[in-house]
Amino acid sequence: MNPTIWLYLIYLAISVLLTVWVAQTLHKNGRIFLVEVFGGNEPIADSVNHLLLVGFYLINIGYVTLALKTDNPPADTQQLIENLSNKVGLVLVVLGVMHFGNLYVFSRMRKRALEAQTPPSFPPTAYTLPPMPQA
């Protein structure tokens, strides 16, 4: 079999497995944040979590397929491993960026939810010290 075909097959297998692993980790652990953000409304939190999962898959699998083509076909095993390393490394960087992007969105959503639960502060009605005289 052509080394380029091997490169494609190995790259797709590794990239898809990594994407599924990261997506499932985010889906499982992100649920807790979403339930809190949505005030304990689990059906809404689960629905949003599922939509985030679908979007994550679409973006990452889309990137993996767009990055499939190689401009430098491997002539030997060394070049195959080097090309594979570059391709998988880029997928890992994209997955990392997506992971931190999700964490940022979750933290912003949580912060807004906590702010909405905090009662508003009221301005003081009296001074504790007399005002300073103006010169």
C-alpha atoms as a PDB file:
ATOM      1  CA  MET A   1       0.000   0.000   0.000  1.00  0.00           C
ATOM      2  CA  ASN A   2       1.138   3.538  -0.789  1.00  0.00           C
ATOM      3  CA  PRO A   3       2.843   5.296   2.209  1.00  0.00           C
ATOM      4  CA  THR A   4       0.571   8.312   1.722  1.00  0.00           C
ATOM      5  CA  ILE A   5      -2.493   6.131   2.210  1.00  0.00           C
ATOM      6  CA  TRP A   6      -0.979   4.769   5.420  1.00  0.00           C
ATOM      7  CA  LEU A   7      -0.324   8.333   6.558  1.00  0.00           C
ATOM      8  CA  TYR A   8      -3.955   9.267   5.914  1.00  0.00           C
ATOM      9  CA  LEU A   9      -5.373   6.208   7.653  1.00  0.00           C
ATOM     10  CA  ILE A  10      -3.188   6.493  10.744  1.00  0.00           C
ATOM     11  CA  TYR A  11      -3.767  10.261  10.938  1.00  0.00           C
ATOM     12  CA  LEU A  12      -7.544   9.866  10.700  1.00  0.00           C
ATOM     13  CA  ALA A  13      -7.624   7.102  13.321  1.00  0.00           C
ATOM     14  CA  ILE A  14      -5.506   9.017  15.843  1.00  0.00           C
ATOM     15  CA  SER A  15      -7.235  12.353  15.214  1.00  0.00           C
ATOM     16  CA  VAL A  16     -10.761  10.996  15.460  1.00  0.00           C
ATOM     17  CA  LEU A  17      -9.952   9.028  18.625  1.00  0.00           C
ATOM     18  CA  LEU A  18      -8.378  12.094  20.259  1.00  0.00           C
ATOM     19  CA  THR A  19     -11.340  14.251  19.248  1.00  0.00           C
ATOM     20  CA  VAL A  20     -13.842  11.761  20.682  1.00  0.00           C
ATOM     21  CA  TRP A  21     -11.869  11.467  23.930  1.00  0.00           C
ATOM     22  CA  VAL A  22     -11.638  15.242  24.453  1.00  0.00           C
ATOM     23  CA  ALA A  23     -15.285  15.761  23.452  1.00  0.00           C
ATOM     24  CA  GLN A  24     -16.537  13.122  25.877  1.00  0.00           C
ATOM     25  CA  THR A  25     -14.392  14.552  28.680  1.00  0.00           C
ATOM     26  CA  LEU A  26     -15.768  18.050  28.074  1.00  0.00           C
ATOM     27  CA  HIS A  27     -19.320  16.712  27.771  1.00  0.00           C
ATOM     28  CA  LYS A  28     -19.132  14.742  31.007  1.00  0.00           C
ATOM     29  CA  ASN A  29     -17.380  17.354  33.137  1.00  0.00           C
ATOM     30  CA  GLY A  30     -18.997  20.428  31.571  1.00  0.00           C
ATOM     31  CA  ARG A  31     -22.461  19.239  32.568  1.00  0.00           C
ATOM     32  CA  ILE A  32     -21.835  20.190  36.200  1.00  0.00           C
ATOM     33  CA  PHE A  33     -21.107  23.806  35.233  1.00  0.00           C
ATOM     34  CA  LEU A  34     -24.104  24.009  32.943  1.00  0.00           C
ATOM     35  CA  VAL A  35     -26.498  22.643  35.551  1.00  0.00           C
ATOM     36  CA  GLU A  36     -25.289  25.343  37.939  1.00  0.00           C
ATOM     37  CA  VAL A  37     -25.491  28.059  35.279  1.00  0.00           C
ATOM     38  CA  PHE A  38     -29.069  27.108  34.435  1.00  0.00           C
ATOM     39  CA  GLY A  39     -30.144  27.143  38.085  1.00  0.00           C
ATOM     40  CA  GLY A  40     -30.422  23.380  38.448  1.00  0.00           C
ATOM     41  CA  ASN A  41     -32.582  22.981  35.332  1.00  0.00           C
ATOM     42  CA  GLU A  42     -31.040  19.703  34.180  1.00  0.00           C
ATOM     43  CA  PRO A  43     -33.022  19.254  30.944  1.00  0.00           C
ATOM     44  CA  ILE A  44     -31.867  22.648  29.629  1.00  0.00           C
ATOM     45  CA  ALA A  45     -28.295  22.065  30.822  1.00  0.00           C
ATOM     46  CA  ASP A  46     -28.221  18.647  29.128  1.00  0.00           C
ATOM     47  CA  SER A  47     -29.660  20.084  25.923  1.00  0.00           C
ATOM     48  CA  VAL A  48     -27.065  22.878  25.774  1.00  0.00           C
ATOM     49  CA  ASN A  49     -24.326  20.391  26.658  1.00  0.00           C
ATOM     50  CA  HIS A  50     -25.381  18.155  23.778  1.00  0.00           C
ATOM     51  CA  LEU A  51     -25.450  21.107  21.352  1.00  0.00           C
ATOM     52  CA  LEU A  52     -21.954  22.110  22.486  1.00  0.00           C
ATOM     53  CA  LEU A  53     -20.799  18.526  21.905  1.00  0.00           C
ATOM     54  CA  VAL A  54     -22.194  18.496  18.356  1.00  0.00           C
ATOM     55  CA  GLY A  55     -20.533  21.835  17.588  1.00  0.00           C
ATOM     56  CA  PHE A  56     -17.235  20.578  19.008  1.00  0.00           C
ATOM     57  CA  TYR A  57     -17.385  17.504  16.771  1.00  0.00           C
ATOM     58  CA  LEU A  58     -18.288  19.530  13.691  1.00  0.00           C
ATOM     59  CA  ILE A  59     -15.434  21.980  14.143  1.00  0.00           C
ATOM     60  CA  ASN A  60     -12.770  19.433  15.022  1.00  0.00           C
ATOM     61  CA  ILE A  61     -13.693  16.667  12.588  1.00  0.00           C
ATOM     62  CA  GLY A  62     -14.035  19.382   9.936  1.00  0.00           C
ATOM     63  CA  TYR A  63     -10.519  20.584  10.695  1.00  0.00           C
ATOM     64  CA  VAL A  64      -9.162  17.024  10.660  1.00  0.00           C
ATOM     65  CA  THR A  65     -10.622  16.367   7.220  1.00  0.00           C
ATOM     66  CA  LEU A  66      -9.442  19.713   5.821  1.00  0.00           C
ATOM     67  CA  ALA A  67      -5.918  19.032   7.074  1.00  0.00           C
ATOM     68  CA  LEU A  68      -5.838  15.511   5.615  1.00  0.00           C
ATOM     69  CA  LYS A  69      -4.066  16.355   2.370  1.00  0.00           C
ATOM     70  CA  THR A  70      -0.298  16.437   2.447  1.00  0.00           C
ATOM     71  CA  ASP A  71       1.903  18.557   0.207  1.00  0.00           C
ATOM     72  CA  ASN A  72       4.932  16.385   0.905  1.00  0.00           C
ATOM     73  CA  PRO A  73       4.008  12.715   0.367  1.00  0.00           C
ATOM     74  CA  PRO A  74       6.164  10.378   2.448  1.00  0.00           C
ATOM     75  CA  ALA A  75       8.730   8.371   0.519  1.00  0.00           C
ATOM     76  CA  ASP A  76       9.816   6.278   3.487  1.00  0.00           C
ATOM     77  CA  THR A  77       8.882   5.439   7.072  1.00  0.00           C
ATOM     78  CA  GLN A  78      10.805   8.376   8.535  1.00  0.00           C
ATOM     79  CA  GLN A  79       8.926  10.909   6.418  1.00  0.00           C
ATOM     80  CA  LEU A  80       5.648   9.148   7.194  1.00  0.00           C
ATOM     81  CA  ILE A  81       6.282   9.500  10.944  1.00  0.00           C
ATOM     82  CA  GLU A  82       7.376  13.148  10.553  1.00  0.00           C
ATOM     83  CA  ASN A  83       4.280  14.026   8.510  1.00  0.00           C
ATOM     84  CA  LEU A  84       2.066  12.167  10.950  1.00  0.00           C
ATOM     85  CA  SER A  85       3.669  13.975  13.869  1.00  0.00           C
ATOM     86  CA  ASN A  86       3.023  17.368  12.257  1.00  0.00           C
ATOM     87  CA  LYS A  87      -0.570  16.546  11.450  1.00  0.00           C
ATOM     88  CA  VAL A  88      -1.425  15.045  14.840  1.00  0.00           C
ATOM     89  CA  GLY A  89       0.414  17.883  16.595  1.00  0.00           C
ATOM     90  CA  LEU A  90      -1.765  20.442  14.825  1.00  0.00           C
ATOM     91  CA  VAL A  91      -4.885  18.497  15.764  1.00  0.00           C
ATOM     92  CA  LEU A  92      -3.758  18.474  19.405  1.00  0.00           C
ATOM     93  CA  VAL A  93      -3.205  22.236  19.317  1.00  0.00           C
ATOM     94  CA  VAL A  94      -6.688  22.784  17.831  1.00  0.00           C
ATOM     95  CA  LEU A  95      -8.206  20.481  20.459  1.00  0.00           C
ATOM     96  CA  GLY A  96      -6.348  22.353  23.208  1.00  0.00           C
ATOM     97  CA  VAL A  97      -7.574  25.712  21.926  1.00  0.00           C
ATOM     98  CA  MET A  98     -11.127  24.373  21.749  1.00  0.00           C
ATOM     99  CA  HIS A  99     -10.806  22.962  25.270  1.00  0.00           C
ATOM    100  CA  PHE A 100      -9.641  26.262  26.734  1.00  0.00           C
ATOM    101  CA  GLY A 101     -12.265  28.091  24.696  1.00  0.00           C
ATOM    102  CA  ASN A 102     -14.946  25.898  26.246  1.00  0.00           C
ATOM    103  CA  LEU A 103     -13.520  26.465  29.724  1.00  0.00           C
ATOM    104  CA  TYR A 104     -13.570  30.215  29.123  1.00  0.00           C
ATOM    105  CA  VAL A 105     -17.193  30.129  27.962  1.00  0.00           C
ATOM    106  CA  PHE A 106     -18.214  27.959  30.927  1.00  0.00           C
ATOM    107  CA  SER A 107     -16.457  30.257  33.404  1.00  0.00           C
ATOM    108  CA  ARG A 108     -18.123  33.345  31.884  1.00  0.00           C
ATOM    109  CA  MET A 109     -21.520  31.675  32.003  1.00  0.00           C
ATOM    110  CA  ARG A 110     -20.961  30.636  35.619  1.00  0.00           C
ATOM    111  CA  LYS A 111     -19.808  34.128  36.590  1.00  0.00           C
ATOM    112  CA  ARG A 112     -22.928  35.688  35.040  1.00  0.00           C
ATOM    113  CA  ALA A 113     -25.169  33.175  36.766  1.00  0.00           C
ATOM    114  CA  LEU A 114     -23.557  33.882  40.142  1.00  0.00           C
ATOM    115  CA  GLU A 115     -23.843  37.648  39.585  1.00  0.00           C
ATOM    116  CA  ALA A 116     -27.530  37.251  38.791  1.00  0.00           C
ATOM    117  CA  GLN A 117     -28.040  35.440  42.095  1.00  0.00           C
ATOM    118  CA  THR A 118     -26.212  38.090  44.143  1.00  0.00           C
ATOM    119  CA  PRO A 119     -28.533  40.760  45.532  1.00  0.00           C
ATOM    120  CA  PRO A 120     -27.751  44.276  44.345  1.00  0.00           C
ATOM    121  CA  SER A 121     -25.734  46.475  46.650  1.00  0.00           C
ATOM    122  CA  PHE A 122     -27.354  49.655  47.908  1.00  0.00           C
ATOM    123  CA  PRO A 123     -25.603  52.991  48.365  1.00  0.00           C
ATOM    124  CA  PRO A 124     -24.978  54.006  51.986  1.00  0.00           C
ATOM    125  CA  THR A 125     -27.688  56.105  53.606  1.00  0.00           C
ATOM    126  CA  ALA A 126     -25.390  57.828  56.086  1.00  0.00           C
ATOM    127  CA  TYR A 127     -21.695  58.616  56.468  1.00  0.00           C
ATOM    128  CA  THR A 128     -19.720  56.912  59.207  1.00  0.00           C
ATOM    129  CA  LEU A 129     -17.263  59.817  59.388  1.00  0.00           C
ATOM    130  CA  PRO A 130     -18.070  63.471  58.944  1.00  0.00           C
ATOM    131  CA  PRO A 131     -17.134  64.863  55.554  1.00  0.00           C
ATOM    132  CA  MET A 132     -13.701  66.443  55.231  1.00  0.00           C
ATOM    133  CA  PRO A 133     -13.728  70.266  55.123  1.00  0.00           C
ATOM    134  CA  GLN A 134     -12.801  71.691  51.759  1.00  0.00           C
ATOM    135  CA  ALA A 135      -9.894  74.098  51.551  1.00  0.00           C
END
